[in-house]
Amino acid sequence: FKLTTKSEHREFYQKLIENPQTNTLS
């Protein structure tokens, strides 16, 4: 059993990953 994100929210997660403000690397 695993906690996972909901696939119906995928487009928002994709925007988050592709957003230049959140795309900086630690």
mmCIF file of all heavy atoms, coordinates in Angstrom:
data_MODEL
# 
_entry.id   MODEL 
# 
loop_
_atom_site.group_PDB 
_atom_site.id 
_atom_site.type_symbol 
_atom_site.label_atom_id 
_atom_site.label_alt_id 
_atom_site.label_comp_id 
_atom_site.label_asym_id 
_atom_site.label_entity_id 
_atom_site.label_seq_id 
_atom_site.pdbx_PDB_ins_code 
_atom_site.Cartn_x 
_atom_site.Cartn_y 
_atom_site.Cartn_z 
_atom_site.occupancy 
_atom_site.B_iso_or_equiv 
_atom_site.pdbx_formal_charge 
_atom_site.auth_seq_id 
_atom_site.auth_comp_id 
_atom_site.auth_asym_id 
_atom_site.auth_atom_id 
_atom_site.pdbx_PDB_model_num 
ATOM 1   N N   . PHE A 1 1  ? 0.859  -1.177 0.000   1.00 0.00 ? 1  PHE A N   1 
ATOM 2   C CA  . PHE A 1 1  ? 0.000  0.000  0.000   1.00 0.00 ? 1  PHE A CA  1 
ATOM 3   C C   . PHE A 1 1  ? 0.895  1.227  0.000   1.00 0.00 ? 1  PHE A C   1 
ATOM 4   O O   . PHE A 1 1  ? 1.842  1.309  0.783   1.00 0.00 ? 1  PHE A O   1 
ATOM 5   C CB  . PHE A 1 1  ? -0.913 0.005  1.233   1.00 0.00 ? 1  PHE A CB  1 
ATOM 6   C CG  . PHE A 1 1  ? -1.916 -1.102 1.211   1.00 0.00 ? 1  PHE A CG  1 
ATOM 7   C CD1 . PHE A 1 1  ? -1.670 -2.290 1.884   1.00 0.00 ? 1  PHE A CD1 1 
ATOM 8   C CD2 . PHE A 1 1  ? -3.107 -0.962 0.507   1.00 0.00 ? 1  PHE A CD2 1 
ATOM 9   C CE1 . PHE A 1 1  ? -2.595 -3.319 1.863   1.00 0.00 ? 1  PHE A CE1 1 
ATOM 10  C CE2 . PHE A 1 1  ? -4.035 -1.989 0.477   1.00 0.00 ? 1  PHE A CE2 1 
ATOM 11  C CZ  . PHE A 1 1  ? -3.782 -3.180 1.160   1.00 0.00 ? 1  PHE A CZ  1 
ATOM 12  N N   . LYS A 1 2  ? 0.592  2.185  -0.888  1.00 0.00 ? 2  LYS A N   1 
ATOM 13  C CA  . LYS A 1 2  ? 1.410  3.385  -1.028  1.00 0.00 ? 2  LYS A CA  1 
ATOM 14  C C   . LYS A 1 2  ? 0.532  4.623  -1.135  1.00 0.00 ? 2  LYS A C   1 
ATOM 15  O O   . LYS A 1 2  ? -0.562 4.570  -1.693  1.00 0.00 ? 2  LYS A O   1 
ATOM 16  C CB  . LYS A 1 2  ? 2.264  3.316  -2.309  1.00 0.00 ? 2  LYS A CB  1 
ATOM 17  C CG  . LYS A 1 2  ? 3.195  2.140  -2.361  1.00 0.00 ? 2  LYS A CG  1 
ATOM 18  C CD  . LYS A 1 2  ? 3.961  2.103  -3.664  1.00 0.00 ? 2  LYS A CD  1 
ATOM 19  C CE  . LYS A 1 2  ? 4.833  0.859  -3.702  1.00 0.00 ? 2  LYS A CE  1 
ATOM 20  N NZ  . LYS A 1 2  ? 5.682  0.832  -4.870  1.00 0.00 ? 2  LYS A NZ  1 
ATOM 21  N N   . LEU A 1 3  ? 1.033  5.732  -0.595  1.00 0.00 ? 3  LEU A N   1 
ATOM 22  C CA  . LEU A 1 3  ? 0.388  7.019  -0.830  1.00 0.00 ? 3  LEU A CA  1 
ATOM 23  C C   . LEU A 1 3  ? 0.813  7.491  -2.214  1.00 0.00 ? 3  LEU A C   1 
ATOM 24  O O   . LEU A 1 3  ? 2.006  7.505  -2.533  1.00 0.00 ? 3  LEU A O   1 
ATOM 25  C CB  . LEU A 1 3  ? 0.841  8.053  0.205   1.00 0.00 ? 3  LEU A CB  1 
ATOM 26  C CG  . LEU A 1 3  ? 0.299  7.897  1.618   1.00 0.00 ? 3  LEU A CG  1 
ATOM 27  C CD1 . LEU A 1 3  ? 0.912  8.960  2.532   1.00 0.00 ? 3  LEU A CD1 1 
ATOM 28  C CD2 . LEU A 1 3  ? -1.217 8.009  1.641   1.00 0.00 ? 3  LEU A CD2 1 
ATOM 29  N N   . THR A 1 4  ? -0.140 7.859  -3.041  1.00 0.00 ? 4  THR A N   1 
ATOM 30  C CA  . THR A 1 4  ? 0.159  8.366  -4.384  1.00 0.00 ? 4  THR A CA  1 
ATOM 31  C C   . THR A 1 4  ? -0.699 9.595  -4.656  1.00 0.00 ? 4  THR A C   1 
ATOM 32  O O   . THR A 1 4  ? -1.715 9.817  -3.994  1.00 0.00 ? 4  THR A O   1 
ATOM 33  C CB  . THR A 1 4  ? -0.150 7.306  -5.468  1.00 0.00 ? 4  THR A CB  1 
ATOM 34  O OG1 . THR A 1 4  ? -1.545 7.010  -5.448  1.00 0.00 ? 4  THR A OG1 1 
ATOM 35  C CG2 . THR A 1 4  ? 0.669  6.036  -5.268  1.00 0.00 ? 4  THR A CG2 1 
ATOM 36  N N   . THR A 1 5  ? -0.278 10.383 -5.630  1.00 0.00 ? 5  THR A N   1 
ATOM 37  C CA  . THR A 1 5  ? -1.088 11.521 -6.039  1.00 0.00 ? 5  THR A CA  1 
ATOM 38  C C   . THR A 1 5  ? -2.210 11.024 -6.937  1.00 0.00 ? 5  THR A C   1 
ATOM 39  O O   . THR A 1 5  ? -2.140 9.937  -7.502  1.00 0.00 ? 5  THR A O   1 
ATOM 40  C CB  . THR A 1 5  ? -0.234 12.556 -6.805  1.00 0.00 ? 5  THR A CB  1 
ATOM 41  O OG1 . THR A 1 5  ? 0.398  11.902 -7.906  1.00 0.00 ? 5  THR A OG1 1 
ATOM 42  C CG2 . THR A 1 5  ? 0.809  13.178 -5.902  1.00 0.00 ? 5  THR A CG2 1 
ATOM 43  N N   . LYS A 1 6  ? -3.230 11.830 -7.067  1.00 0.00 ? 6  LYS A N   1 
ATOM 44  C CA  . LYS A 1 6  ? -4.364 11.454 -7.904  1.00 0.00 ? 6  LYS A CA  1 
ATOM 45  C C   . LYS A 1 6  ? -4.061 11.790 -9.358  1.00 0.00 ? 6  LYS A C   1 
ATOM 46  O O   . LYS A 1 6  ? -3.654 12.910 -9.682  1.00 0.00 ? 6  LYS A O   1 
ATOM 47  C CB  . LYS A 1 6  ? -5.635 12.170 -7.430  1.00 0.00 ? 6  LYS A CB  1 
ATOM 48  C CG  . LYS A 1 6  ? -6.100 11.678 -6.076  1.00 0.00 ? 6  LYS A CG  1 
ATOM 49  C CD  . LYS A 1 6  ? -7.439 12.260 -5.705  1.00 0.00 ? 6  LYS A CD  1 
ATOM 50  C CE  . LYS A 1 6  ? -7.951 11.615 -4.423  1.00 0.00 ? 6  LYS A CE  1 
ATOM 51  N NZ  . LYS A 1 6  ? -9.258 12.132 -4.046  1.00 0.00 ? 6  LYS A NZ  1 
ATOM 52  N N   . SER A 1 7  ? -4.275 10.821 -10.229 1.00 0.00 ? 7  SER A N   1 
ATOM 53  C CA  . SER A 1 7  ? -3.967 11.006 -11.647 1.00 0.00 ? 7  SER A CA  1 
ATOM 54  C C   . SER A 1 7  ? -4.812 12.105 -12.280 1.00 0.00 ? 7  SER A C   1 
ATOM 55  O O   . SER A 1 7  ? -4.372 12.755 -13.225 1.00 0.00 ? 7  SER A O   1 
ATOM 56  C CB  . SER A 1 7  ? -4.142 9.693  -12.412 1.00 0.00 ? 7  SER A CB  1 
ATOM 57  O OG  . SER A 1 7  ? -5.459 9.213  -12.269 1.00 0.00 ? 7  SER A OG  1 
ATOM 58  N N   . GLU A 1 8  ? -5.999 12.356 -11.744 1.00 0.00 ? 8  GLU A N   1 
ATOM 59  C CA  . GLU A 1 8  ? -6.848 13.402 -12.319 1.00 0.00 ? 8  GLU A CA  1 
ATOM 60  C C   . GLU A 1 8  ? -6.291 14.811 -12.073 1.00 0.00 ? 8  GLU A C   1 
ATOM 61  O O   . GLU A 1 8  ? -6.751 15.778 -12.660 1.00 0.00 ? 8  GLU A O   1 
ATOM 62  C CB  . GLU A 1 8  ? -8.296 13.296 -11.827 1.00 0.00 ? 8  GLU A CB  1 
ATOM 63  C CG  . GLU A 1 8  ? -8.471 13.293 -10.333 1.00 0.00 ? 8  GLU A CG  1 
ATOM 64  C CD  . GLU A 1 8  ? -8.526 11.902 -9.717  1.00 0.00 ? 8  GLU A CD  1 
ATOM 65  O OE1 . GLU A 1 8  ? -7.920 10.966 -10.259 1.00 0.00 ? 8  GLU A OE1 1 
ATOM 66  O OE2 . GLU A 1 8  ? -9.172 11.762 -8.669  1.00 0.00 ? 8  GLU A OE2 1 
ATOM 67  N N   . HIS A 1 9  ? -5.275 14.929 -11.227 1.00 0.00 ? 9  HIS A N   1 
ATOM 68  C CA  . HIS A 1 9  ? -4.625 16.222 -10.964 1.00 0.00 ? 9  HIS A CA  1 
ATOM 69  C C   . HIS A 1 9  ? -3.288 16.353 -11.689 1.00 0.00 ? 9  HIS A C   1 
ATOM 70  O O   . HIS A 1 9  ? -2.539 17.288 -11.452 1.00 0.00 ? 9  HIS A O   1 
ATOM 71  C CB  . HIS A 1 9  ? -4.400 16.413 -9.460  1.00 0.00 ? 9  HIS A CB  1 
ATOM 72  C CG  . HIS A 1 9  ? -5.655 16.334 -8.652  1.00 0.00 ? 9  HIS A CG  1 
ATOM 73  N ND1 . HIS A 1 9  ? -5.655 16.014 -7.320  1.00 0.00 ? 9  HIS A ND1 1 
ATOM 74  C CD2 . HIS A 1 9  ? -6.954 16.530 -8.991  1.00 0.00 ? 9  HIS A CD2 1 
ATOM 75  C CE1 . HIS A 1 9  ? -6.895 16.013 -6.862  1.00 0.00 ? 9  HIS A CE1 1 
ATOM 76  N NE2 . HIS A 1 9  ? -7.704 16.314 -7.854  1.00 0.00 ? 9  HIS A NE2 1 
ATOM 77  N N   . ARG A 1 10 ? -2.996 15.407 -12.565 1.00 0.00 ? 10 ARG A N   1 
ATOM 78  C CA  . ARG A 1 10 ? -1.705 15.321 -13.250 1.00 0.00 ? 10 ARG A CA  1 
ATOM 79  C C   . ARG A 1 10 ? -1.280 16.637 -13.905 1.00 0.00 ? 10 ARG A C   1 
ATOM 80  O O   . ARG A 1 10 ? -0.129 17.037 -13.815 1.00 0.00 ? 10 ARG A O   1 
ATOM 81  C CB  . ARG A 1 10 ? -1.741 14.210 -14.279 1.00 0.00 ? 10 ARG A CB  1 
ATOM 82  C CG  . ARG A 1 10 ? -0.441 14.079 -15.064 1.00 0.00 ? 10 ARG A CG  1 
ATOM 83  C CD  . ARG A 1 10 ? -0.458 12.939 -16.051 1.00 0.00 ? 10 ARG A CD  1 
ATOM 84  N NE  . ARG A 1 10 ? -0.478 11.701 -15.284 1.00 0.00 ? 10 ARG A NE  1 
ATOM 85  C CZ  . ARG A 1 10 ? -1.237 10.660 -15.583 1.00 0.00 ? 10 ARG A CZ  1 
ATOM 86  N NH1 . ARG A 1 10 ? -2.030 10.690 -16.613 1.00 0.00 ? 10 ARG A NH1 1 
ATOM 87  N NH2 . ARG A 1 10 ? -1.210 9.578  -14.847 1.00 0.00 ? 10 ARG A NH2 1 
ATOM 88  N N   . GLU A 1 11 ? -2.204 17.323 -14.579 1.00 0.00 ? 11 GLU A N   1 
ATOM 89  C CA  . GLU A 1 11 ? -1.838 18.550 -15.295 1.00 0.00 ? 11 GLU A CA  1 
ATOM 90  C C   . GLU A 1 11 ? -1.273 19.614 -14.347 1.00 0.00 ? 11 GLU A C   1 
ATOM 91  O O   . GLU A 1 11 ? -0.365 20.354 -14.716 1.00 0.00 ? 11 GLU A O   1 
ATOM 92  C CB  . GLU A 1 11 ? -3.025 19.112 -16.076 1.00 0.00 ? 11 GLU A CB  1 
ATOM 93  C CG  . GLU A 1 11 ? -4.124 19.678 -15.199 1.00 0.00 ? 11 GLU A CG  1 
ATOM 94  C CD  . GLU A 1 11 ? -5.285 20.243 -15.973 1.00 0.00 ? 11 GLU A CD  1 
ATOM 95  O OE1 . GLU A 1 11 ? -5.202 21.412 -16.403 1.00 0.00 ? 11 GLU A OE1 1 
ATOM 96  O OE2 . GLU A 1 11 ? -6.275 19.495 -16.128 1.00 0.00 ? 11 GLU A OE2 1 
ATOM 97  N N   . PHE A 1 12 ? -1.761 19.665 -13.128 1.00 0.00 ? 12 PHE A N   1 
ATOM 98  C CA  . PHE A 1 12 ? -1.258 20.639 -12.156 1.00 0.00 ? 12 PHE A CA  1 
ATOM 99  C C   . PHE A 1 12 ? 0.126  20.252 -11.657 1.00 0.00 ? 12 PHE A C   1 
ATOM 100 O O   . PHE A 1 12 ? 0.997  21.098 -11.464 1.00 0.00 ? 12 PHE A O   1 
ATOM 101 C CB  . PHE A 1 12 ? -2.226 20.785 -10.982 1.00 0.00 ? 12 PHE A CB  1 
ATOM 102 C CG  . PHE A 1 12 ? -3.589 21.253 -11.421 1.00 0.00 ? 12 PHE A CG  1 
ATOM 103 C CD1 . PHE A 1 12 ? -4.644 20.361 -11.501 1.00 0.00 ? 12 PHE A CD1 1 
ATOM 104 C CD2 . PHE A 1 12 ? -3.799 22.578 -11.777 1.00 0.00 ? 12 PHE A CD2 1 
ATOM 105 C CE1 . PHE A 1 12 ? -5.897 20.790 -11.911 1.00 0.00 ? 12 PHE A CE1 1 
ATOM 106 C CE2 . PHE A 1 12 ? -5.046 23.025 -12.187 1.00 0.00 ? 12 PHE A CE2 1 
ATOM 107 C CZ  . PHE A 1 12 ? -6.096 22.126 -12.261 1.00 0.00 ? 12 PHE A CZ  1 
ATOM 108 N N   . TYR A 1 13 ? 0.349  18.951 -11.449 1.00 0.00 ? 13 TYR A N   1 
ATOM 109 C CA  . TYR A 1 13 ? 1.668  18.489 -11.020 1.00 0.00 ? 13 TYR A CA  1 
ATOM 110 C C   . TYR A 1 13 ? 2.699  18.760 -12.113 1.00 0.00 ? 13 TYR A C   1 
ATOM 111 O O   . TYR A 1 13 ? 3.832  19.142 -11.836 1.00 0.00 ? 13 TYR A O   1 
ATOM 112 C CB  . TYR A 1 13 ? 1.641  16.994 -10.678 1.00 0.00 ? 13 TYR A CB  1 
ATOM 113 C CG  . TYR A 1 13 ? 0.586  16.604 -9.676  1.00 0.00 ? 13 TYR A CG  1 
ATOM 114 C CD1 . TYR A 1 13 ? -0.132 15.424 -9.810  1.00 0.00 ? 13 TYR A CD1 1 
ATOM 115 C CD2 . TYR A 1 13 ? 0.281  17.418 -8.590  1.00 0.00 ? 13 TYR A CD2 1 
ATOM 116 C CE1 . TYR A 1 13 ? -1.110 15.065 -8.893  1.00 0.00 ? 13 TYR A CE1 1 
ATOM 117 C CE2 . TYR A 1 13 ? -0.694 17.067 -7.668  1.00 0.00 ? 13 TYR A CE2 1 
ATOM 118 C CZ  . TYR A 1 13 ? -1.378 15.891 -7.831  1.00 0.00 ? 13 TYR A CZ  1 
ATOM 119 O OH  . TYR A 1 13 ? -2.350 15.530 -6.933  1.00 0.00 ? 13 TYR A OH  1 
ATOM 120 N N   . GLN A 1 14 ? 2.287  18.561 -13.362 1.00 0.00 ? 14 GLN A N   1 
ATOM 121 C CA  . GLN A 1 14 ? 3.185  18.806 -14.492 1.00 0.00 ? 14 GLN A CA  1 
ATOM 122 C C   . GLN A 1 14 ? 3.568  20.286 -14.561 1.00 0.00 ? 14 GLN A C   1 
ATOM 123 O O   . GLN A 1 14 ? 4.719  20.621 -14.782 1.00 0.00 ? 14 GLN A O   1 
ATOM 124 C CB  . GLN A 1 14 ? 2.510  18.363 -15.801 1.00 0.00 ? 14 GLN A CB  1 
ATOM 125 C CG  . GLN A 1 14 ? 3.455  18.268 -16.963 1.00 0.00 ? 14 GLN A CG  1 
ATOM 126 C CD  . GLN A 1 14 ? 4.501  17.201 -16.772 1.00 0.00 ? 14 GLN A CD  1 
ATOM 127 O OE1 . GLN A 1 14 ? 4.246  16.140 -16.210 1.00 0.00 ? 14 GLN A OE1 1 
ATOM 128 N NE2 . GLN A 1 14 ? 5.702  17.467 -17.213 1.00 0.00 ? 14 GLN A NE2 1 
ATOM 129 N N   . LYS A 1 15 ? 2.595  21.179 -14.352 1.00 0.00 ? 15 LYS A N   1 
ATOM 130 C CA  . LYS A 1 15 ? 2.886  22.612 -14.338 1.00 0.00 ? 15 LYS A CA  1 
ATOM 131 C C   . LYS A 1 15 ? 3.873  22.960 -13.239 1.00 0.00 ? 15 LYS A C   1 
ATOM 132 O O   . LYS A 1 15 ? 4.765  23.786 -13.420 1.00 0.00 ? 15 LYS A O   1 
ATOM 133 C CB  . LYS A 1 15 ? 1.598  23.425 -14.131 1.00 0.00 ? 15 LYS A CB  1 
ATOM 134 C CG  . LYS A 1 15 ? 0.712  23.514 -15.337 1.00 0.00 ? 15 LYS A CG  1 
ATOM 135 C CD  . LYS A 1 15 ? -0.524 24.342 -14.988 1.00 0.00 ? 15 LYS A CD  1 
ATOM 136 C CE  . LYS A 1 15 ? -1.549 24.328 -16.077 1.00 0.00 ? 15 LYS A CE  1 
ATOM 137 N NZ  . LYS A 1 15 ? -2.759 25.077 -15.688 1.00 0.00 ? 15 LYS A NZ  1 
ATOM 138 N N   . LEU A 1 16 ? 3.703  22.338 -12.085 1.00 0.00 ? 16 LEU A N   1 
ATOM 139 C CA  . LEU A 1 16 ? 4.605  22.579 -10.962 1.00 0.00 ? 16 LEU A CA  1 
ATOM 140 C C   . LEU A 1 16 ? 6.030  22.179 -11.314 1.00 0.00 ? 16 LEU A C   1 
ATOM 141 O O   . LEU A 1 16 ? 6.976  22.929 -11.057 1.00 0.00 ? 16 LEU A O   1 
ATOM 142 C CB  . LEU A 1 16 ? 4.125  21.806 -9.731  1.00 0.00 ? 16 LEU A CB  1 
ATOM 143 C CG  . LEU A 1 16 ? 5.006  21.915 -8.493  1.00 0.00 ? 16 LEU A CG  1 
ATOM 144 C CD1 . LEU A 1 16 ? 4.979  23.342 -7.953  1.00 0.00 ? 16 LEU A CD1 1 
ATOM 145 C CD2 . LEU A 1 16 ? 4.557  20.934 -7.439  1.00 0.00 ? 16 LEU A CD2 1 
ATOM 146 N N   . ILE A 1 17 ? 6.187  21.020 -11.916 1.00 0.00 ? 17 ILE A N   1 
ATOM 147 C CA  . ILE A 1 17 ? 7.518  20.536 -12.282 1.00 0.00 ? 17 ILE A CA  1 
ATOM 148 C C   . ILE A 1 17 ? 8.144  21.413 -13.355 1.00 0.00 ? 17 ILE A C   1 
ATOM 149 O O   . ILE A 1 17 ? 9.340  21.695 -13.331 1.00 0.00 ? 17 ILE A O   1 
ATOM 150 C CB  . ILE A 1 17 ? 7.438  19.064 -12.741 1.00 0.00 ? 17 ILE A CB  1 
ATOM 151 C CG1 . ILE A 1 17 ? 7.110  18.180 -11.544 1.00 0.00 ? 17 ILE A CG1 1 
ATOM 152 C CG2 . ILE A 1 17 ? 8.741  18.615 -13.385 1.00 0.00 ? 17 ILE A CG2 1 
ATOM 153 C CD1 . ILE A 1 17 ? 6.782  16.747 -11.911 1.00 0.00 ? 17 ILE A CD1 1 
ATOM 154 N N   . GLU A 1 18 ? 7.334  21.863 -14.317 1.00 0.00 ? 18 GLU A N   1 
ATOM 155 C CA  . GLU A 1 18 ? 7.857  22.648 -15.438 1.00 0.00 ? 18 GLU A CA  1 
ATOM 156 C C   . GLU A 1 18 ? 8.005  24.130 -15.122 1.00 0.00 ? 18 GLU A C   1 
ATOM 157 O O   . GLU A 1 18 ? 8.640  24.856 -15.874 1.00 0.00 ? 18 GLU A O   1 
ATOM 158 C CB  . GLU A 1 18 ? 6.942  22.465 -16.648 1.00 0.00 ? 18 GLU A CB  1 
ATOM 159 C CG  . GLU A 1 18 ? 6.976  21.047 -17.192 1.00 0.00 ? 18 GLU A CG  1 
ATOM 160 C CD  . GLU A 1 18 ? 5.933  20.811 -18.270 1.00 0.00 ? 18 GLU A CD  1 
ATOM 161 O OE1 . GLU A 1 18 ? 5.104  21.713 -18.524 1.00 0.00 ? 18 GLU A OE1 1 
ATOM 162 O OE2 . GLU A 1 18 ? 5.945  19.717 -18.846 1.00 0.00 ? 18 GLU A OE2 1 
ATOM 163 N N   . ASN A 1 19 ? 7.441  24.593 -14.015 1.00 0.00 ? 19 ASN A N   1 
ATOM 164 C CA  . ASN A 1 19 ? 7.499  26.001 -13.633 1.00 0.00 ? 19 ASN A CA  1 
ATOM 165 C C   . ASN A 1 19 ? 8.950  26.416 -13.373 1.00 0.00 ? 19 ASN A C   1 
ATOM 166 O O   . ASN A 1 19 ? 9.628  25.814 -12.548 1.00 0.00 ? 19 ASN A O   1 
ATOM 167 C CB  . ASN A 1 19 ? 6.647  26.220 -12.376 1.00 0.00 ? 19 ASN A CB  1 
ATOM 168 C CG  . ASN A 1 19 ? 6.585  27.666 -11.956 1.00 0.00 ? 19 ASN A CG  1 
ATOM 169 O OD1 . ASN A 1 19 ? 7.382  28.500 -12.370 1.00 0.00 ? 19 ASN A OD1 1 
ATOM 170 N ND2 . ASN A 1 19 ? 5.625  27.962 -11.110 1.00 0.00 ? 19 ASN A ND2 1 
ATOM 171 N N   . PRO A 1 20 ? 9.451  27.460 -14.060 1.00 0.00 ? 20 PRO A N   1 
ATOM 172 C CA  . PRO A 1 20 ? 10.833 27.895 -13.861 1.00 0.00 ? 20 PRO A CA  1 
ATOM 173 C C   . PRO A 1 20 ? 11.144 28.277 -12.412 1.00 0.00 ? 20 PRO A C   1 
ATOM 174 O O   . PRO A 1 20 ? 12.261 28.103 -11.954 1.00 0.00 ? 20 PRO A O   1 
ATOM 175 C CB  . PRO A 1 20 ? 10.968 29.112 -14.771 1.00 0.00 ? 20 PRO A CB  1 
ATOM 176 C CG  . PRO A 1 20 ? 9.863  29.009 -15.752 1.00 0.00 ? 20 PRO A CG  1 
ATOM 177 C CD  . PRO A 1 20 ? 8.770  28.246 -15.068 1.00 0.00 ? 20 PRO A CD  1 
ATOM 178 N N   . GLN A 1 21 ? 10.168 28.795 -11.683 1.00 0.00 ? 21 GLN A N   1 
ATOM 179 C CA  . GLN A 1 21 ? 10.401 29.183 -10.289 1.00 0.00 ? 21 GLN A CA  1 
ATOM 180 C C   . GLN A 1 21 ? 10.649 27.973 -9.401  1.00 0.00 ? 21 GLN A C   1 
ATOM 181 O O   . GLN A 1 21 ? 11.362 28.058 -8.415  1.00 0.00 ? 21 GLN A O   1 
ATOM 182 C CB  . GLN A 1 21 ? 9.225  29.987 -9.750  1.00 0.00 ? 21 GLN A CB  1 
ATOM 183 C CG  . GLN A 1 21 ? 9.085  31.336 -10.406 1.00 0.00 ? 21 GLN A CG  1 
ATOM 184 C CD  . GLN A 1 21 ? 7.832  32.042 -9.932  1.00 0.00 ? 21 GLN A CD  1 
ATOM 185 O OE1 . GLN A 1 21 ? 6.856  31.422 -9.555  1.00 0.00 ? 21 GLN A OE1 1 
ATOM 186 N NE2 . GLN A 1 21 ? 7.873  33.371 -9.970  1.00 0.00 ? 21 GLN A NE2 1 
ATOM 187 N N   . THR A 1 22 ? 10.045 26.831 -9.732  1.00 0.00 ? 22 THR A N   1 
ATOM 188 C CA  . THR A 1 22 ? 10.257 25.631 -8.936  1.00 0.00 ? 22 THR A CA  1 
ATOM 189 C C   . THR A 1 22 ? 11.248 24.692 -9.610  1.00 0.00 ? 22 THR A C   1 
ATOM 190 O O   . THR A 1 22 ? 11.475 23.594 -9.139  1.00 0.00 ? 22 THR A O   1 
ATOM 191 C CB  . THR A 1 22 ? 8.927  24.874 -8.716  1.00 0.00 ? 22 THR A CB  1 
ATOM 192 O OG1 . THR A 1 22 ? 8.398  24.486 -9.983  1.00 0.00 ? 22 THR A OG1 1 
ATOM 193 C CG2 . THR A 1 22 ? 7.938  25.705 -7.957  1.00 0.00 ? 22 THR A CG2 1 
ATOM 194 N N   . ASN A 1 23 ? 11.826 25.123 -10.707 1.00 0.00 ? 23 ASN A N   1 
ATOM 195 C CA  . ASN A 1 23 ? 12.719 24.271 -11.473 1.00 0.00 ? 23 ASN A CA  1 
ATOM 196 C C   . ASN A 1 23 ? 14.187 24.494 -11.117 1.00 0.00 ? 23 ASN A C   1 
ATOM 197 O O   . ASN A 1 23 ? 15.063 24.059 -11.834 1.00 0.00 ? 23 ASN A O   1 
ATOM 198 C CB  . ASN A 1 23 ? 12.492 24.482 -12.973 1.00 0.00 ? 23 ASN A CB  1 
ATOM 199 C CG  . ASN A 1 23 ? 12.741 23.218 -13.752 1.00 0.00 ? 23 ASN A CG  1 
ATOM 200 O OD1 . ASN A 1 23 ? 12.897 22.145 -13.197 1.00 0.00 ? 23 ASN A OD1 1 
ATOM 201 N ND2 . ASN A 1 23 ? 12.806 23.355 -15.058 1.00 0.00 ? 23 ASN A ND2 1 
ATOM 202 N N   . THR A 1 24 ? 14.460 25.202 -10.035 1.00 0.00 ? 24 THR A N   1 
ATOM 203 C CA  . THR A 1 24 ? 15.838 25.380 -9.617  1.00 0.00 ? 24 THR A CA  1 
ATOM 204 C C   . THR A 1 24 ? 16.294 24.127 -8.876  1.00 0.00 ? 24 THR A C   1 
ATOM 205 O O   . THR A 1 24 ? 15.496 23.429 -8.265  1.00 0.00 ? 24 THR A O   1 
ATOM 206 C CB  . THR A 1 24 ? 15.986 26.611 -8.706  1.00 0.00 ? 24 THR A CB  1 
ATOM 207 O OG1 . THR A 1 24 ? 15.128 26.434 -7.577  1.00 0.00 ? 24 THR A OG1 1 
ATOM 208 C CG2 . THR A 1 24 ? 15.617 27.891 -9.442  1.00 0.00 ? 24 THR A CG2 1 
ATOM 209 N N   . LEU A 1 25 ? 17.586 23.876 -8.943  1.00 0.00 ? 25 LEU A N   1 
ATOM 210 C CA  . LEU A 1 25 ? 18.125 22.682 -8.316  1.00 0.00 ? 25 LEU A CA  1 
ATOM 211 C C   . LEU A 1 25 ? 18.853 23.034 -7.031  1.00 0.00 ? 25 LEU A C   1 
ATOM 212 O O   . LEU A 1 25 ? 19.640 23.981 -6.994  1.00 0.00 ? 25 LEU A O   1 
ATOM 213 C CB  . LEU A 1 25 ? 19.085 21.980 -9.277  1.00 0.00 ? 25 LEU A CB  1 
ATOM 214 C CG  . LEU A 1 25 ? 18.468 21.457 -10.574 1.00 0.00 ? 25 LEU A CG  1 
ATOM 215 C CD1 . LEU A 1 25 ? 19.545 20.929 -11.505 1.00 0.00 ? 25 LEU A CD1 1 
ATOM 216 C CD2 . LEU A 1 25 ? 17.468 20.360 -10.263 1.00 0.00 ? 25 LEU A CD2 1 
ATOM 217 N N   . SER A 1 26 ? 18.610 22.258 -6.001  1.00 0.00 ? 26 SER A N   1 
ATOM 218 C CA  . SER A 1 26 ? 19.288 22.453 -4.722  1.00 0.00 ? 26 SER A CA  1 
ATOM 219 C C   . SER A 1 26 ? 20.740 22.001 -4.845  1.00 0.00 ? 26 SER A C   1 
ATOM 220 O O   . SER A 1 26 ? 21.128 21.321 -5.808  1.00 0.00 ? 26 SER A O   1 
ATOM 221 C CB  . SER A 1 26 ? 18.586 21.643 -3.632  1.00 0.00 ? 26 SER A CB  1 
ATOM 222 O OG  . SER A 1 26 ? 18.756 20.261 -3.888  1.00 0.00 ? 26 SER A OG  1 
# 
